[in-house]
Amino acid sequence: MMDAARNHEVRESSVAIQIETQEGVLTGHVETANGVPRSLSPLVNSMRSFGLYFTRTPRVCPATTSEQTGQCVGACQGWNRARIYATVMLVIIWLNAIRNVVIFDGTETVGAYLITKLGTIPGVLLTIVLHTTYYAASHTGSLDRIFRQMNLSTPDFSVKYSRRVKVVTVVSWLLMAMGVTYYSYLMFSTVGLNDFSLSLIIKTFRLSTPHAAIIKVICSLLQLQAIASLTFTQAIKYTSSYGRFLKQ
C-alpha cells in the first residue's frame, strides 16, 4: 500500500512538473514573440500608431500531450487588435494611392502641368510598396526578428543606440508635421489645390465649399498616413543599419 501511494505521488508530481514546463515554454514563446528591445520602443510605438508594425500572438489551445501542444502553438495564429488595425491602415493607404493615381481628366497637353502629374505617380507607388512590405514583414514575423536581433548587450552601446533612436523618432515626427502643414496650407490657401485628384473630384461633382472643406480635411489625414509610411520606414532602415554597425 505504501509503495502504491508513493508511486501515485510520484506520478502526480511528474505530471505537475510537465504541465508547468509546458506552460513556461508557451509563456516564454509569447513574450519572445511580442518582445521589442526597450531602446527601439519610441520608434516602434510610432510605427504601430500608423499600422506599420504588429505582432501575431500565437493562441494557446488546450492539448493533452506535448506533441499536440507544439502543433497548436505553431498553427494557431489569431487576429489581435494590432493586426486588424494594421490591415485597415493597409486598405486605406491603397485606396488613397488609387485616388492619387486617378488624376488625368483628358485635357492635359504636353508641358509642365502634365509632367507634374506624372511626377506624383512614382511617389505614390513608393508609398504603397513600402507600407505593403512592412505589413508583409510583420505578418511573417521577419520584422519582429530583426527588432530582437538589434538588442545590444553592451551597456555603452545600448545607451548610445537608444539616444540615436529617440533623435530619429523626433526628427521623423517633425518632418511629418512640416509635410502635413505645408500640404494643408496649399489645400486651404487661395493659391489653389495642390492635390490633382481632389481638384478633379471637386470639379466633377461640383461640391459646395463646406463639403469641399470636409474632403480637404480627410485628404490631409490621408496625407499624414502616406508621409508616415515614407518617413518611419526610412527611419527604421537607418536605425537598423546603425545597430548592426555598433554590434560589429
C-alpha atoms as a PDB file:
ATOM      1  CA  MET A   1       0.000   0.000   0.000  1.00  0.00           C
ATOM      2  CA  MET A   2       2.807   2.399   0.874  1.00  0.00           C
ATOM      3  CA  ASP A   3       4.608   1.641  -2.426  1.00  0.00           C
ATOM      4  CA  ALA A   4       1.403   2.261  -4.361  1.00  0.00           C
ATOM      5  CA  ALA A   5       0.841   5.575  -2.574  1.00  0.00           C
ATOM      6  CA  ARG A   6       4.424   6.637  -3.272  1.00  0.00           C
ATOM      7  CA  ASN A   7       4.103   5.720  -6.965  1.00  0.00           C
ATOM      8  CA  HIS A   8       0.872   7.714  -7.170  1.00  0.00           C
ATOM      9  CA  GLU A   9       2.551  10.766  -5.606  1.00  0.00           C
ATOM     10  CA  VAL A  10       5.490  10.456  -7.995  1.00  0.00           C
ATOM     11  CA  ARG A  11       3.131  10.314 -10.972  1.00  0.00           C
ATOM     12  CA  GLU A  12       1.225  13.381  -9.770  1.00  0.00           C
ATOM     13  CA  SER A  13       4.483  15.286  -9.226  1.00  0.00           C
ATOM     14  CA  SER A  14       5.799  14.375 -12.679  1.00  0.00           C
ATOM     15  CA  VAL A  15       2.514  15.420 -14.318  1.00  0.00           C
ATOM     16  CA  ALA A  16       2.536  18.753 -12.449  1.00  0.00           C
ATOM     17  CA  ILE A  17       6.154  19.408 -13.438  1.00  0.00           C
ATOM     18  CA  GLN A  18       5.368  18.557 -17.059  1.00  0.00           C
ATOM     19  CA  ILE A  19       2.372  20.926 -17.131  1.00  0.00           C
ATOM     20  CA  GLU A  20       4.369  23.759 -15.542  1.00  0.00           C
ATOM     21  CA  THR A  21       7.191  23.202 -18.022  1.00  0.00           C
ATOM     22  CA  GLN A  22       4.816  23.306 -20.984  1.00  0.00           C
ATOM     23  CA  GLU A  23       3.143  26.476 -19.666  1.00  0.00           C
ATOM     24  CA  GLY A  24       6.542  28.069 -19.141  1.00  0.00           C
ATOM     25  CA  VAL A  25       7.594  27.241 -22.691  1.00  0.00           C
ATOM     26  CA  LEU A  26       4.381  28.668 -24.106  1.00  0.00           C
ATOM     27  CA  THR A  27       4.615  31.820 -21.999  1.00  0.00           C
ATOM     28  CA  GLY A  28       8.222  32.315 -22.937  1.00  0.00           C
ATOM     29  CA  HIS A  29       7.354  31.904 -26.603  1.00  0.00           C
ATOM     30  CA  VAL A  30       4.654  34.566 -26.400  1.00  0.00           C
ATOM     31  CA  GLU A  31       6.883  37.007 -24.543  1.00  0.00           C
ATOM     32  CA  THR A  32       9.664  36.481 -27.059  1.00  0.00           C
ATOM     33  CA  ALA A  33       7.309  36.944 -29.986  1.00  0.00           C
ATOM     34  CA  ASN A  34       5.931  40.210 -28.600  1.00  0.00           C
ATOM     35  CA  GLY A  35       9.131  41.488 -27.046  1.00  0.00           C
ATOM     36  CA  VAL A  36      10.849  44.504 -28.609  1.00  0.00           C
ATOM     37  CA  PRO A  37      14.109  45.957 -27.266  1.00  0.00           C
ATOM     38  CA  ARG A  38      13.430  48.890 -24.985  1.00  0.00           C
ATOM     39  CA  SER A  39      15.820  51.095 -26.936  1.00  0.00           C
ATOM     40  CA  LEU A  40      13.587  50.750 -30.012  1.00  0.00           C
ATOM     41  CA  SER A  41      10.276  51.401 -28.260  1.00  0.00           C
ATOM     42  CA  PRO A  42       9.821  55.094 -29.278  1.00  0.00           C
ATOM     43  CA  LEU A  43      10.201  54.328 -32.965  1.00  0.00           C
ATOM     44  CA  VAL A  44       8.307  51.032 -32.865  1.00  0.00           C
ATOM     45  CA  ASN A  45       5.359  52.582 -30.994  1.00  0.00           C
ATOM     46  CA  SER A  46       5.216  55.328 -33.608  1.00  0.00           C
ATOM     47  CA  MET A  47       5.150  52.706 -36.333  1.00  0.00           C
ATOM     48  CA  ARG A  48       2.337  50.854 -34.537  1.00  0.00           C
ATOM     49  CA  SER A  49       0.211  54.019 -34.487  1.00  0.00           C
ATOM     50  CA  PHE A  50       0.240  54.080 -38.310  1.00  0.00           C
ATOM     51  CA  GLY A  51      -0.160  50.330 -38.850  1.00  0.00           C
ATOM     52  CA  LEU A  52       3.427  49.762 -39.971  1.00  0.00           C
ATOM     53  CA  TYR A  53       4.197  47.123 -37.334  1.00  0.00           C
ATOM     54  CA  PHE A  54       2.260  44.451 -35.474  1.00  0.00           C
ATOM     55  CA  THR A  55       2.903  41.038 -33.957  1.00  0.00           C
ATOM     56  CA  ARG A  56       0.931  37.874 -34.473  1.00  0.00           C
ATOM     57  CA  THR A  57       0.343  36.488 -30.979  1.00  0.00           C
ATOM     58  CA  PRO A  58       0.007  32.678 -31.010  1.00  0.00           C
ATOM     59  CA  ARG A  59      -3.127  31.308 -29.369  1.00  0.00           C
ATOM     60  CA  VAL A  60      -2.622  28.666 -26.688  1.00  0.00           C
ATOM     61  CA  CYS A  61      -5.083  25.853 -27.433  1.00  0.00           C
ATOM     62  CA  PRO A  62      -5.990  23.081 -24.999  1.00  0.00           C
ATOM     63  CA  ALA A  63      -3.959  19.931 -25.599  1.00  0.00           C
ATOM     64  CA  THR A  64      -3.411  16.702 -23.782  1.00  0.00           C
ATOM     65  CA  THR A  65       0.097  15.886 -24.948  1.00  0.00           C
ATOM     66  CA  SER A  66       3.242  17.878 -25.527  1.00  0.00           C
ATOM     67  CA  GLU A  67       3.186  16.940 -29.248  1.00  0.00           C
ATOM     68  CA  GLN A  68      -0.302  18.357 -29.663  1.00  0.00           C
ATOM     69  CA  THR A  69       0.685  21.467 -27.730  1.00  0.00           C
ATOM     70  CA  GLY A  70       3.659  22.104 -30.019  1.00  0.00           C
ATOM     71  CA  GLN A  71       1.466  21.715 -33.092  1.00  0.00           C
ATOM     72  CA  CYS A  72      -1.086  24.126 -31.654  1.00  0.00           C
ATOM     73  CA  VAL A  73       1.487  26.841 -30.950  1.00  0.00           C
ATOM     74  CA  GLY A  74       2.845  26.630 -34.480  1.00  0.00           C
ATOM     75  CA  ALA A  75      -0.516  26.522 -36.207  1.00  0.00           C
ATOM     76  CA  CYS A  76      -2.882  28.713 -34.189  1.00  0.00           C
ATOM     77  CA  GLN A  77      -2.275  32.318 -35.208  1.00  0.00           C
ATOM     78  CA  GLY A  78      -5.020  34.706 -34.095  1.00  0.00           C
ATOM     79  CA  TRP A  79      -6.140  38.114 -35.255  1.00  0.00           C
ATOM     80  CA  ASN A  80      -5.362  40.599 -32.494  1.00  0.00           C
ATOM     81  CA  ARG A  81      -6.282  44.288 -32.402  1.00  0.00           C
ATOM     82  CA  ALA A  82      -2.928  45.449 -33.715  1.00  0.00           C
ATOM     83  CA  ARG A  83      -3.177  43.207 -36.755  1.00  0.00           C
ATOM     84  CA  ILE A  84      -6.749  44.298 -37.516  1.00  0.00           C
ATOM     85  CA  TYR A  85      -5.743  47.951 -37.186  1.00  0.00           C
ATOM     86  CA  ALA A  86      -2.730  47.445 -39.462  1.00  0.00           C
ATOM     87  CA  THR A  87      -4.932  45.728 -42.044  1.00  0.00           C
ATOM     88  CA  VAL A  88      -7.376  48.652 -42.016  1.00  0.00           C
ATOM     89  CA  MET A  89      -4.464  51.087 -42.466  1.00  0.00           C
ATOM     90  CA  LEU A  90      -3.182  48.999 -45.366  1.00  0.00           C
ATOM     91  CA  VAL A  91      -6.563  49.179 -47.110  1.00  0.00           C
ATOM     92  CA  ILE A  92      -6.737  52.936 -46.522  1.00  0.00           C
ATOM     93  CA  ILE A  93      -3.248  53.536 -47.930  1.00  0.00           C
ATOM     94  CA  TRP A  94      -4.139  51.532 -51.047  1.00  0.00           C
ATOM     95  CA  LEU A  95      -7.403  53.413 -51.560  1.00  0.00           C
ATOM     96  CA  ASN A  96      -5.586  56.715 -51.130  1.00  0.00           C
ATOM     97  CA  ALA A  97      -2.948  55.592 -53.637  1.00  0.00           C
ATOM     98  CA  ILE A  98      -5.613  54.694 -56.193  1.00  0.00           C
ATOM     99  CA  ARG A  99      -7.197  58.109 -55.636  1.00  0.00           C
ATOM    100  CA  ASN A 100      -3.880  59.865 -56.254  1.00  0.00           C
ATOM    101  CA  VAL A 101      -3.241  57.909 -59.449  1.00  0.00           C
ATOM    102  CA  VAL A 102      -6.601  58.865 -60.988  1.00  0.00           C
ATOM    103  CA  ILE A 103      -5.544  62.427 -61.862  1.00  0.00           C
ATOM    104  CA  PHE A 104      -5.957  62.617 -65.620  1.00  0.00           C
ATOM    105  CA  ASP A 105      -9.131  64.226 -66.994  1.00  0.00           C
ATOM    106  CA  GLY A 106      -8.242  64.107 -70.695  1.00  0.00           C
ATOM    107  CA  THR A 107      -7.485  67.812 -71.052  1.00  0.00           C
ATOM    108  CA  GLU A 108      -3.738  67.528 -70.443  1.00  0.00           C
ATOM    109  CA  THR A 109      -1.263  68.748 -73.031  1.00  0.00           C
ATOM    110  CA  VAL A 110       2.474  68.301 -73.226  1.00  0.00           C
ATOM    111  CA  GLY A 111       4.016  70.692 -70.763  1.00  0.00           C
ATOM    112  CA  ALA A 112       4.877  71.389 -67.136  1.00  0.00           C
ATOM    113  CA  TYR A 113       1.365  70.558 -65.900  1.00  0.00           C
ATOM    114  CA  LEU A 114       1.446  67.071 -67.413  1.00  0.00           C
ATOM    115  CA  ILE A 115       4.993  66.442 -66.188  1.00  0.00           C
ATOM    116  CA  THR A 116       3.967  67.461 -62.663  1.00  0.00           C
ATOM    117  CA  LYS A 117       1.089  64.987 -62.717  1.00  0.00           C
ATOM    118  CA  LEU A 118       3.325  62.210 -63.977  1.00  0.00           C
ATOM    119  CA  GLY A 119       5.883  63.035 -61.284  1.00  0.00           C
ATOM    120  CA  THR A 120       3.402  62.320 -58.489  1.00  0.00           C
ATOM    121  CA  ILE A 121       2.840  58.704 -59.548  1.00  0.00           C
ATOM    122  CA  PRO A 122       6.297  57.303 -58.544  1.00  0.00           C
ATOM    123  CA  GLY A 123       5.942  58.775 -55.043  1.00  0.00           C
ATOM    124  CA  VAL A 124       2.501  57.222 -54.645  1.00  0.00           C
ATOM    125  CA  LEU A 125       3.754  53.832 -55.827  1.00  0.00           C
ATOM    126  CA  LEU A 126       6.740  54.025 -53.472  1.00  0.00           C
ATOM    127  CA  THR A 127       4.424  54.707 -50.542  1.00  0.00           C
ATOM    128  CA  ILE A 128       2.215  51.670 -51.111  1.00  0.00           C
ATOM    129  CA  VAL A 129       5.228  49.428 -51.812  1.00  0.00           C
ATOM    130  CA  LEU A 130       6.921  50.412 -48.530  1.00  0.00           C
ATOM    131  CA  HIS A 131       3.746  50.122 -46.475  1.00  0.00           C
ATOM    132  CA  THR A 132       2.815  46.761 -48.002  1.00  0.00           C
ATOM    133  CA  THR A 133       6.352  45.456 -47.497  1.00  0.00           C
ATOM    134  CA  TYR A 134       6.336  46.300 -43.787  1.00  0.00           C
ATOM    135  CA  TYR A 135       2.878  44.801 -43.392  1.00  0.00           C
ATOM    136  CA  ALA A 136       4.080  41.568 -45.006  1.00  0.00           C
ATOM    137  CA  ALA A 137       7.231  41.595 -42.838  1.00  0.00           C
ATOM    138  CA  SER A 138       5.085  41.971 -39.712  1.00  0.00           C
ATOM    139  CA  HIS A 139       2.765  39.207 -40.909  1.00  0.00           C
ATOM    140  CA  THR A 140       5.607  36.737 -41.447  1.00  0.00           C
ATOM    141  CA  GLY A 141       7.421  37.786 -38.243  1.00  0.00           C
ATOM    142  CA  SER A 142      10.647  38.743 -40.048  1.00  0.00           C
ATOM    143  CA  LEU A 143      10.409  42.372 -38.888  1.00  0.00           C
ATOM    144  CA  ASP A 144       9.952  41.244 -35.293  1.00  0.00           C
ATOM    145  CA  ARG A 145      13.048  39.007 -35.575  1.00  0.00           C
ATOM    146  CA  ILE A 146      15.071  41.943 -36.896  1.00  0.00           C
ATOM    147  CA  PHE A 147      13.996  44.073 -33.939  1.00  0.00           C
ATOM    148  CA  ARG A 148      15.008  41.378 -31.425  1.00  0.00           C
ATOM    149  CA  GLN A 149      18.405  40.941 -33.097  1.00  0.00           C
ATOM    150  CA  MET A 150      19.066  44.658 -32.673  1.00  0.00           C
ATOM    151  CA  ASN A 151      19.060  44.338 -28.869  1.00  0.00           C
ATOM    152  CA  LEU A 152      22.557  45.468 -27.884  1.00  0.00           C
ATOM    153  CA  SER A 153      24.137  43.707 -24.922  1.00  0.00           C
ATOM    154  CA  THR A 154      26.883  46.231 -24.146  1.00  0.00           C
ATOM    155  CA  PRO A 155      25.515  48.994 -21.860  1.00  0.00           C
ATOM    156  CA  ASP A 156      27.502  51.806 -23.511  1.00  0.00           C
ATOM    157  CA  PHE A 157      26.362  50.830 -26.983  1.00  0.00           C
ATOM    158  CA  SER A 158      22.787  50.332 -25.773  1.00  0.00           C
ATOM    159  CA  VAL A 159      22.609  53.851 -24.291  1.00  0.00           C
ATOM    160  CA  LYS A 160      24.134  55.376 -27.399  1.00  0.00           C
ATOM    161  CA  TYR A 161      21.750  53.451 -29.625  1.00  0.00           C
ATOM    162  CA  SER A 162      18.734  54.430 -27.508  1.00  0.00           C
ATOM    163  CA  ARG A 163      19.631  58.105 -27.791  1.00  0.00           C
ATOM    164  CA  ARG A 164      20.034  57.804 -31.540  1.00  0.00           C
ATOM    165  CA  VAL A 165      16.620  56.133 -31.869  1.00  0.00           C
ATOM    166  CA  LYS A 166      14.961  58.922 -29.853  1.00  0.00           C
ATOM    167  CA  VAL A 167      16.567  61.586 -32.028  1.00  0.00           C
ATOM    168  CA  VAL A 168      15.483  59.792 -35.206  1.00  0.00           C
ATOM    169  CA  THR A 169      11.927  59.461 -33.863  1.00  0.00           C
ATOM    170  CA  VAL A 170      11.693  63.169 -33.025  1.00  0.00           C
ATOM    171  CA  VAL A 171      13.102  64.153 -36.419  1.00  0.00           C
ATOM    172  CA  SER A 172      10.615  61.844 -38.132  1.00  0.00           C
ATOM    173  CA  TRP A 173       7.665  63.432 -36.341  1.00  0.00           C
ATOM    174  CA  LEU A 174       8.950  66.919 -37.163  1.00  0.00           C
ATOM    175  CA  LEU A 175       9.262  66.033 -40.851  1.00  0.00           C
ATOM    176  CA  MET A 176       5.738  64.634 -40.819  1.00  0.00           C
ATOM    177  CA  ALA A 177       4.372  67.757 -39.129  1.00  0.00           C
ATOM    178  CA  MET A 178       6.116  70.005 -41.646  1.00  0.00           C
ATOM    179  CA  GLY A 179       4.879  67.953 -44.593  1.00  0.00           C
ATOM    180  CA  VAL A 180       1.255  67.870 -43.459  1.00  0.00           C
ATOM    181  CA  THR A 181       1.304  71.572 -42.516  1.00  0.00           C
ATOM    182  CA  TYR A 182       2.612  72.542 -45.940  1.00  0.00           C
ATOM    183  CA  TYR A 183       0.116  70.244 -47.671  1.00  0.00           C
ATOM    184  CA  SER A 184      -2.799  71.653 -45.655  1.00  0.00           C
ATOM    185  CA  TYR A 185      -1.673  75.227 -46.264  1.00  0.00           C
ATOM    186  CA  LEU A 186      -1.730  74.708 -50.025  1.00  0.00           C
ATOM    187  CA  MET A 187      -5.079  72.934 -49.758  1.00  0.00           C
ATOM    188  CA  PHE A 188      -6.844  75.725 -47.858  1.00  0.00           C
ATOM    189  CA  SER A 189      -4.985  78.757 -49.208  1.00  0.00           C
ATOM    190  CA  THR A 190      -6.050  80.899 -52.134  1.00  0.00           C
ATOM    191  CA  VAL A 191      -3.084  79.700 -54.161  1.00  0.00           C
ATOM    192  CA  GLY A 192      -5.054  76.715 -55.394  1.00  0.00           C
ATOM    193  CA  LEU A 193      -5.261  72.975 -54.831  1.00  0.00           C
ATOM    194  CA  ASN A 194      -2.028  71.000 -54.968  1.00  0.00           C
ATOM    195  CA  ASP A 195      -3.937  67.700 -54.950  1.00  0.00           C
ATOM    196  CA  PHE A 196      -4.840  66.906 -58.556  1.00  0.00           C
ATOM    197  CA  SER A 197      -7.266  64.101 -57.763  1.00  0.00           C
ATOM    198  CA  LEU A 198      -9.105  66.189 -55.179  1.00  0.00           C
ATOM    199  CA  SER A 199      -9.341  69.077 -57.595  1.00  0.00           C
ATOM    200  CA  LEU A 200     -10.789  66.704 -60.184  1.00  0.00           C
ATOM    201  CA  ILE A 201     -13.360  65.383 -57.678  1.00  0.00           C
ATOM    202  CA  ILE A 202     -14.468  68.882 -56.647  1.00  0.00           C
ATOM    203  CA  LYS A 203     -14.863  69.996 -60.250  1.00  0.00           C
ATOM    204  CA  THR A 204     -16.601  66.820 -61.391  1.00  0.00           C
ATOM    205  CA  PHE A 205     -19.185  66.682 -58.600  1.00  0.00           C
ATOM    206  CA  ARG A 206     -19.394  70.493 -58.177  1.00  0.00           C
ATOM    207  CA  LEU A 207     -19.064  70.285 -54.424  1.00  0.00           C
ATOM    208  CA  SER A 208     -20.013  73.221 -52.273  1.00  0.00           C
ATOM    209  CA  THR A 209     -17.473  74.999 -50.084  1.00  0.00           C
ATOM    210  CA  PRO A 210     -18.434  73.207 -46.792  1.00  0.00           C
ATOM    211  CA  HIS A 211     -18.346  69.766 -48.431  1.00  0.00           C
ATOM    212  CA  ALA A 212     -15.059  70.568 -50.151  1.00  0.00           C
ATOM    213  CA  ALA A 213     -13.577  71.665 -46.805  1.00  0.00           C
ATOM    214  CA  ILE A 214     -14.554  68.348 -45.192  1.00  0.00           C
ATOM    215  CA  ILE A 215     -12.942  66.407 -48.022  1.00  0.00           C
ATOM    216  CA  LYS A 216      -9.795  68.541 -47.711  1.00  0.00           C
ATOM    217  CA  VAL A 217      -9.521  67.678 -44.018  1.00  0.00           C
ATOM    218  CA  ILE A 218      -9.896  63.965 -44.814  1.00  0.00           C
ATOM    219  CA  CYS A 219      -7.242  64.218 -47.513  1.00  0.00           C
ATOM    220  CA  SER A 220      -4.903  65.942 -45.056  1.00  0.00           C
ATOM    221  CA  LEU A 221      -5.266  62.991 -42.672  1.00  0.00           C
ATOM    222  CA  LEU A 222      -4.629  60.589 -45.535  1.00  0.00           C
ATOM    223  CA  GLN A 223      -1.539  62.580 -46.431  1.00  0.00           C
ATOM    224  CA  LEU A 224      -0.309  62.203 -42.848  1.00  0.00           C
ATOM    225  CA  GLN A 225      -0.599  58.425 -43.198  1.00  0.00           C
ATOM    226  CA  ALA A 226       1.277  58.490 -46.512  1.00  0.00           C
ATOM    227  CA  ILE A 227       4.082  60.655 -45.112  1.00  0.00           C
ATOM    228  CA  ALA A 228       4.352  58.362 -42.080  1.00  0.00           C
ATOM    229  CA  SER A 229       4.786  55.357 -44.355  1.00  0.00           C
ATOM    230  CA  LEU A 230       7.669  57.073 -46.114  1.00  0.00           C
ATOM    231  CA  THR A 231       9.282  58.558 -43.006  1.00  0.00           C
ATOM    232  CA  PHE A 232       9.183  55.708 -40.490  1.00  0.00           C
ATOM    233  CA  THR A 233      10.205  53.029 -42.972  1.00  0.00           C
ATOM    234  CA  GLN A 234      13.333  55.002 -43.776  1.00  0.00           C
ATOM    235  CA  ALA A 235      13.908  55.763 -40.091  1.00  0.00           C
ATOM    236  CA  ILE A 236      13.848  52.086 -39.105  1.00  0.00           C
ATOM    237  CA  LYS A 237      16.151  51.279 -42.005  1.00  0.00           C
ATOM    238  CA  TYR A 238      18.643  53.837 -40.724  1.00  0.00           C
ATOM    239  CA  THR A 239      18.447  52.690 -37.099  1.00  0.00           C
ATOM    240  CA  SER A 240      18.823  49.019 -38.047  1.00  0.00           C
ATOM    241  CA  SER A 241      21.935  49.831 -40.099  1.00  0.00           C
ATOM    242  CA  TYR A 242      23.329  51.827 -37.211  1.00  0.00           C
ATOM    243  CA  GLY A 243      22.563  48.992 -34.775  1.00  0.00           C
ATOM    244  CA  ARG A 244      24.418  46.470 -36.910  1.00  0.00           C
ATOM    245  CA  PHE A 245      27.369  48.888 -37.102  1.00  0.00           C
ATOM    246  CA  LEU A 246      27.537  49.126 -33.282  1.00  0.00           C
ATOM    247  CA  LYS A 247      27.417  45.345 -32.850  1.00  0.00           C
ATOM    248  CA  GLN A 248      30.384  44.807 -35.170  1.00  0.00           C
END
